[in-house]
C-alpha atoms as a PDB file:
ATOM      1  CA  MET A   1     113.727 119.321  92.412  1.00  0.00           C
ATOM      2  CA  ALA A   2     112.256 118.000  89.367  1.00  0.00           C
ATOM      3  CA  LEU A   3     109.011 115.916  89.199  1.00  0.00           C
ATOM      4  CA  ARG A   4     111.240 112.988  88.382  1.00  0.00           C
ATOM      5  CA  HIS A   5     112.638 112.960  91.845  1.00  0.00           C
ATOM      6  CA  ALA A   6     109.215 113.108  93.543  1.00  0.00           C
ATOM      7  CA  VAL A   7     108.041 110.181  91.371  1.00  0.00           C
ATOM      8  CA  LEU A   8     111.101 108.182  92.231  1.00  0.00           C
ATOM      9  CA  ALA A   9     110.664 108.910  95.968  1.00  0.00           C
ATOM     10  CA  ALA A  10     107.014 107.815  95.777  1.00  0.00           C
ATOM     11  CA  LEU A  11     107.963 104.544  94.029  1.00  0.00           C
ATOM     12  CA  LEU A  12     110.317 103.632  96.794  1.00  0.00           C
ATOM     13  CA  ASP A  13     107.434 102.420  98.803  1.00  0.00           C
ATOM     14  CA  GLY A  14     106.523  99.715  96.314  1.00  0.00           C
ATOM     15  CA  GLU A  15     105.356  98.832  92.787  1.00  0.00           C
ATOM     16  CA  TYR A  16     102.649 101.114  91.625  1.00  0.00           C
ATOM     17  CA  SER A  17     100.505 101.601  88.555  1.00  0.00           C
ATOM     18  CA  GLY A  18     100.121 105.148  87.186  1.00  0.00           C
ATOM     19  CA  TYR A  19      96.710 105.320  88.850  1.00  0.00           C
ATOM     20  CA  GLN A  20      98.100 104.146  92.160  1.00  0.00           C
ATOM     21  CA  LEU A  21     100.994 106.589  91.917  1.00  0.00           C
ATOM     22  CA  ALA A  22      98.522 109.442  91.268  1.00  0.00           C
ATOM     23  CA  LYS A  23      96.609 108.348  94.414  1.00  0.00           C
ATOM     24  CA  ALA A  24      99.798 108.165  96.437  1.00  0.00           C
ATOM     25  CA  PHE A  25     100.718 111.657  95.351  1.00  0.00           C
ATOM     26  CA  ASP A  26      97.276 112.962  96.296  1.00  0.00           C
ATOM     27  CA  ILE A  27      97.738 111.540  99.844  1.00  0.00           C
ATOM     28  CA  GLY A  28     101.381 111.850 100.712  1.00  0.00           C
ATOM     29  CA  VAL A  29     103.469 113.754  98.082  1.00  0.00           C
ATOM     30  CA  ALA A  30     100.943 116.475  97.436  1.00  0.00           C
ATOM     31  CA  ASN A  31     101.787 118.384 100.649  1.00  0.00           C
ATOM     32  CA  PHE A  32     105.094 119.369  99.034  1.00  0.00           C
ATOM     33  CA  TRP A  33     104.876 118.577  95.311  1.00  0.00           C
ATOM     34  CA  HIS A  34     101.827 118.949  92.992  1.00  0.00           C
ATOM     35  CA  ALA A  35     101.427 117.049  89.777  1.00  0.00           C
ATOM     36  CA  LEU A  36      98.453 116.150  87.562  1.00  0.00           C
ATOM     37  CA  PRO A  37      97.945 112.569  86.669  1.00  0.00           C
ATOM     38  CA  GLN A  38      98.789 113.188  83.079  1.00  0.00           C
ATOM     39  CA  GLN A  39     102.113 114.694  84.205  1.00  0.00           C
ATOM     40  CA  LEU A  40     102.849 111.568  86.296  1.00  0.00           C
ATOM     41  CA  TYR A  41     102.096 109.175  83.317  1.00  0.00           C
ATOM     42  CA  ALA A  42     104.387 111.254  81.073  1.00  0.00           C
ATOM     43  CA  GLU A  43     107.180 111.228  83.779  1.00  0.00           C
ATOM     44  CA  LEU A  44     106.855 107.486  84.264  1.00  0.00           C
ATOM     45  CA  ALA A  45     107.396 106.983  80.501  1.00  0.00           C
ATOM     46  CA  LYS A  46     110.479 109.275  80.572  1.00  0.00           C
ATOM     47  CA  LEU A  47     111.826 107.472  83.655  1.00  0.00           C
ATOM     48  CA  GLU A  48     111.315 104.014  82.104  1.00  0.00           C
ATOM     49  CA  LYS A  49     113.048 105.126  78.876  1.00  0.00           C
ATOM     50  CA  GLU A  50     116.001 106.377  80.946  1.00  0.00           C
ATOM     51  CA  GLY A  51     116.159 103.156  82.871  1.00  0.00           C
ATOM     52  CA  LEU A  52     115.366 104.736  86.182  1.00  0.00           C
ATOM     53  CA  VAL A  53     112.136 102.722  86.716  1.00  0.00           C
ATOM     54  CA  SER A  54     111.073  99.486  85.190  1.00  0.00           C
ATOM     55  CA  GLY A  55     107.568  98.628  84.259  1.00  0.00           C
ATOM     56  CA  ARG A  56     105.718  95.366  83.652  1.00  0.00           C
ATOM     57  CA  GLN A  57     102.381  94.566  82.094  1.00  0.00           C
ATOM     58  CA  VAL A  58      99.778  92.931  84.349  1.00  0.00           C
ATOM     59  CA  VAL A  59      96.967  91.221  82.546  1.00  0.00           C
ATOM     60  CA  GLN A  60      93.597  91.530  84.135  1.00  0.00           C
ATOM     61  CA  GLU A  61      90.581  89.485  83.028  1.00  0.00           C
ATOM     62  CA  THR A  62      87.797  91.829  83.963  1.00  0.00           C
ATOM     63  CA  ARG A  63      89.610  95.134  83.633  1.00  0.00           C
ATOM     64  CA  PRO A  64      92.038  96.708  81.091  1.00  0.00           C
ATOM     65  CA  ASN A  65      95.587  95.431  81.468  1.00  0.00           C
ATOM     66  CA  LYS A  66      97.837  97.862  83.588  1.00  0.00           C
ATOM     67  CA  ARG A  67     101.485  98.573  83.935  1.00  0.00           C
ATOM     68  CA  LEU A  68     103.272  98.486  87.282  1.00  0.00           C
ATOM     69  CA  PHE A  69     106.377 100.573  87.891  1.00  0.00           C
ATOM     70  CA  LYS A  70     109.201 100.280  90.340  1.00  0.00           C
ATOM     71  CA  VAL A  71     112.528 101.929  90.931  1.00  0.00           C
ATOM     72  CA  THR A  72     115.642 100.371  89.334  1.00  0.00           C
ATOM     73  CA  ASN A  73     119.093 100.494  90.885  1.00  0.00           C
ATOM     74  CA  ALA A  74     119.875 103.437  88.545  1.00  0.00           C
ATOM     75  CA  GLY A  75     116.732 105.188  89.934  1.00  0.00           C
ATOM     76  CA  ARG A  76     118.080 104.705  93.443  1.00  0.00           C
ATOM     77  CA  ALA A  77     121.478 106.112  92.401  1.00  0.00           C
ATOM     78  CA  GLU A  78     119.584 109.144  90.837  1.00  0.00           C
ATOM     79  CA  LEU A  79     117.857 109.630  94.144  1.00  0.00           C
ATOM     80  CA  GLU A  80     121.081 109.362  96.225  1.00  0.00           C
ATOM     81  CA  SER A  81     122.655 111.931  93.894  1.00  0.00           C
ATOM     82  CA  PHE A  82     119.707 114.183  94.247  1.00  0.00           C
ATOM     83  CA  ALA A  83     119.699 113.815  98.081  1.00  0.00           C
ATOM     84  CA  GLU A  84     123.454 114.779  98.202  1.00  0.00           C
ATOM     85  CA  SER A  85     122.941 117.935  96.012  1.00  0.00           C
ATOM     86  CA  VAL A  86     122.390 121.316  97.783  1.00  0.00           C
ATOM     87  CA  ALA A  87     118.631 122.129  98.183  1.00  0.00           C
ATOM     88  CA  LYS A  88     117.427 125.329  96.657  1.00  0.00           C
ATOM     89  CA  PRO A  89     115.708 127.787  99.012  1.00  0.00           C
ATOM     90  CA  SER A  90     111.973 127.480  99.015  1.00  0.00           C
ATOM     91  CA  PHE A  91     109.794 130.265  97.908  1.00  0.00           C
ATOM     92  CA  ILE A  92     106.089 131.191  97.733  1.00  0.00           C
ATOM     93  CA  ARG A  93     104.346 131.716  94.420  1.00  0.00           C
ATOM     94  CA  ASP A  94     100.686 132.077  95.075  1.00  0.00           C
ATOM     95  CA  ASP A  95      98.115 134.150  93.012  1.00  0.00           C
ATOM     96  CA  LEU A  96      95.995 134.671  96.173  1.00  0.00           C
ATOM     97  CA  LEU A  97      98.885 136.667  97.603  1.00  0.00           C
ATOM     98  CA  VAL A  98      98.805 139.031  94.534  1.00  0.00           C
ATOM     99  CA  LYS A  99      95.078 139.447  95.043  1.00  0.00           C
ATOM    100  CA  VAL A 100      95.560 140.299  98.760  1.00  0.00           C
ATOM    101  CA  GLN A 101      98.322 142.754  97.791  1.00  0.00           C
ATOM    102  CA  VAL A 102      95.964 144.776  95.625  1.00  0.00           C
ATOM    103  CA  ALA A 103      92.731 144.242  97.598  1.00  0.00           C
ATOM    104  CA  ASP A 104      92.609 147.775  99.000  1.00  0.00           C
ATOM    105  CA  ARG A 105      92.839 149.085  95.389  1.00  0.00           C
ATOM    106  CA  ILE A 106      90.319 146.838  93.702  1.00  0.00           C
ATOM    107  CA  GLY A 107      87.821 145.839  96.389  1.00  0.00           C
ATOM    108  CA  THR A 108      87.890 143.148  99.079  1.00  0.00           C
ATOM    109  CA  ALA A 109      84.689 141.181  98.869  1.00  0.00           C
ATOM    110  CA  SER A 110      85.940 138.646  96.357  1.00  0.00           C
ATOM    111  CA  VAL A 111      89.318 138.407  98.021  1.00  0.00           C
ATOM    112  CA  ILE A 112      87.690 137.725 101.423  1.00  0.00           C
ATOM    113  CA  GLY A 113      85.599 134.963  99.820  1.00  0.00           C
ATOM    114  CA  GLN A 114      88.638 133.413  98.333  1.00  0.00           C
ATOM    115  CA  LEU A 115      90.540 133.599 101.609  1.00  0.00           C
ATOM    116  CA  GLU A 116      87.657 131.843 103.301  1.00  0.00           C
ATOM    117  CA  GLU A 117      87.472 129.169 100.691  1.00  0.00           C
ATOM    118  CA  ARG A 118      91.244 128.609 101.036  1.00  0.00           C
ATOM    119  CA  ALA A 119      90.760 128.434 104.872  1.00  0.00           C
ATOM    120  CA  SER A 120      88.150 125.692 104.365  1.00  0.00           C
ATOM    121  CA  ALA A 121      90.509 123.809 102.040  1.00  0.00           C
ATOM    122  CA  ALA A 122      93.187 124.167 104.631  1.00  0.00           C
ATOM    123  CA  GLU A 123      90.932 122.715 107.355  1.00  0.00           C
ATOM    124  CA  ALA A 124      90.059 119.671 105.197  1.00  0.00           C
ATOM    125  CA  LYS A 125      93.790 119.105 104.427  1.00  0.00           C
ATOM    126  CA  ILE A 126      94.652 119.390 108.109  1.00  0.00           C
ATOM    127  CA  GLU A 127      92.213 116.756 108.892  1.00  0.00           C
ATOM    128  CA  LEU A 128      93.488 114.456 105.972  1.00  0.00           C
ATOM    129  CA  LEU A 129      97.127 114.994 107.042  1.00  0.00           C
ATOM    130  CA  GLY A 130      96.247 114.194 110.684  1.00  0.00           C
ATOM    131  CA  SER A 131      94.496 110.964 109.574  1.00  0.00           C
ATOM    132  CA  LEU A 132      97.523 110.024 107.480  1.00  0.00           C
ATOM    133  CA  LEU A 133      99.909 110.767 110.371  1.00  0.00           C
ATOM    134  CA  ARG A 134      97.887 108.345 112.659  1.00  0.00           C
ATOM    135  CA  GLN A 135      97.849 105.731 109.915  1.00  0.00           C
ATOM    136  CA  LEU A 136     101.615 105.915 109.362  1.00  0.00           C
ATOM    137  CA  ARG A 137     102.562 105.634 112.967  1.00  0.00           C
ATOM    138  CA  GLY A 138      99.913 102.876 113.759  1.00  0.00           C
ATOM    139  CA  GLU A 139      99.620 101.975 117.487  1.00  0.00           C
ATOM    140  CA  ALA A 140     102.872 103.903 118.382  1.00  0.00           C
ATOM    141  CA  ASP A 141     102.713 107.416 119.827  1.00  0.00           C
ATOM    142  CA  GLU A 142     104.521 110.074 117.880  1.00  0.00           C
ATOM    143  CA  GLU A 143     107.780 110.198 119.972  1.00  0.00           C
ATOM    144  CA  GLU A 144     108.133 106.367 119.915  1.00  0.00           C
ATOM    145  CA  PHE A 145     107.431 106.315 116.086  1.00  0.00           C
ATOM    146  CA  LEU A 146     110.022 109.052 115.416  1.00  0.00           C
ATOM    147  CA  LEU A 147     112.534 107.235 117.428  1.00  0.00           C
ATOM    148  CA  ARG A 148     111.879 103.663 116.220  1.00  0.00           C
ATOM    149  CA  GLY A 149     109.643 103.811 113.198  1.00  0.00           C
ATOM    150  CA  ALA A 150     110.709 101.693 110.219  1.00  0.00           C
ATOM    151  CA  ARG A 151     110.425 104.475 107.641  1.00  0.00           C
ATOM    152  CA  ILE A 152     109.884 108.058 108.937  1.00  0.00           C
ATOM    153  CA  GLY A 153     110.528 110.081 105.828  1.00  0.00           C
ATOM    154  CA  PRO A 154     106.872 110.203 104.764  1.00  0.00           C
ATOM    155  CA  TYR A 155     105.914 110.981 108.314  1.00  0.00           C
ATOM    156  CA  LEU A 156     108.362 113.846 108.447  1.00  0.00           C
ATOM    157  CA  THR A 157     107.217 115.371 105.172  1.00  0.00           C
ATOM    158  CA  CYS A 158     103.548 114.972 106.355  1.00  0.00           C
ATOM    159  CA  LEU A 159     104.516 116.889 109.485  1.00  0.00           C
ATOM    160  CA  ARG A 160     105.764 119.705 107.361  1.00  0.00           C
ATOM    161  CA  GLY A 161     102.617 119.717 105.328  1.00  0.00           C
ATOM    162  CA  LEU A 162     100.497 119.833 108.479  1.00  0.00           C
ATOM    163  CA  ALA A 163     102.392 122.759 109.864  1.00  0.00           C
ATOM    164  CA  PHE A 164     102.080 124.553 106.469  1.00  0.00           C
ATOM    165  CA  GLU A 165      98.342 124.077 106.389  1.00  0.00           C
ATOM    166  CA  GLN A 166      97.808 125.093 110.025  1.00  0.00           C
ATOM    167  CA  GLU A 167      99.774 128.258 109.472  1.00  0.00           C
ATOM    168  CA  HIS A 168      97.918 128.868 106.183  1.00  0.00           C
ATOM    169  CA  LEU A 169      94.555 128.418 107.851  1.00  0.00           C
ATOM    170  CA  THR A 170      95.584 130.949 110.577  1.00  0.00           C
ATOM    171  CA  TRP A 171      96.857 133.399 107.957  1.00  0.00           C
ATOM    172  CA  CYS A 172      93.752 133.121 105.807  1.00  0.00           C
ATOM    173  CA  LEU A 173      91.298 133.713 108.714  1.00  0.00           C
ATOM    174  CA  ARG A 174      93.337 136.559 110.022  1.00  0.00           C
ATOM    175  CA  ILE A 175      93.572 138.429 106.705  1.00  0.00           C
ATOM    176  CA  ALA A 176      89.937 137.844 105.848  1.00  0.00           C
ATOM    177  CA  GLY A 177      89.107 139.355 109.174  1.00  0.00           C
ATOM    178  CA  ILE A 178      91.265 142.356 108.699  1.00  0.00           C
ATOM    179  CA  LEU A 179      89.874 143.067 105.285  1.00  0.00           C
ATOM    180  CA  ARG A 180      86.273 142.584 106.538  1.00  0.00           C
ATOM    181  CA  GLU A 181      86.970 145.081 109.395  1.00  0.00           C
ATOM    182  CA  ARG A 182      88.463 147.605 106.970  1.00  0.00           C
ATOM    183  CA  GLN A 183      85.468 147.138 104.646  1.00  0.00           C
ATOM    184  CA  SER A 184      83.117 147.913 107.503  1.00  0.00           C
ATOM    185  CA  ALA A 185      85.203 150.828 108.681  1.00  0.00           C
ATOM    186  CA  HIS A 186      85.143 152.315 105.178  1.00  0.00           C
ATOM    187  CA  ALA A 187      81.438 151.752 104.873  1.00  0.00           C
ATOM    188  CA  GLU A 188      80.716 153.720 108.082  1.00  0.00           C
ATOM    189  CA  ARG A 189      82.553 156.788 106.752  1.00  0.00           C
END
């Protein structure tokens, strides 16, 4: 998947400025695709040049003018083509895992601290994703929403993000505990 597809997918929900798109990414798309705001602005420019999104200028009296973007028919066709293509297997690429792999050779104190920080971040993300799920389904319970909800794609990806963060929290706390126990056992020798 390229950033272009994530941007096009986010724009299916409406017309957004670059700033609004960055916020939408932070809340919904970030659980499966990370992009910096400057990357989003650059991608919007490329997509507009290719005719996959259209932009329009909005004049504001008390603020600087802004541009709003929406997906064009060509952009929808690009997304349809992308959806039909075979998905590549996912993989993990995480510098913290490299640090854990070498922790018994280089010392564990710093790695334990980083695992605990990552666990705290996962807890915060779990809370955010839970709130987003409640917001997306409104008054409906989950099963009713999944059966009859108008647009469940964002909900389903949010469920994946929630499951990932819950497992990540569990793993970080477990590994920090194991390394701490090993550290104590080596100190007693």
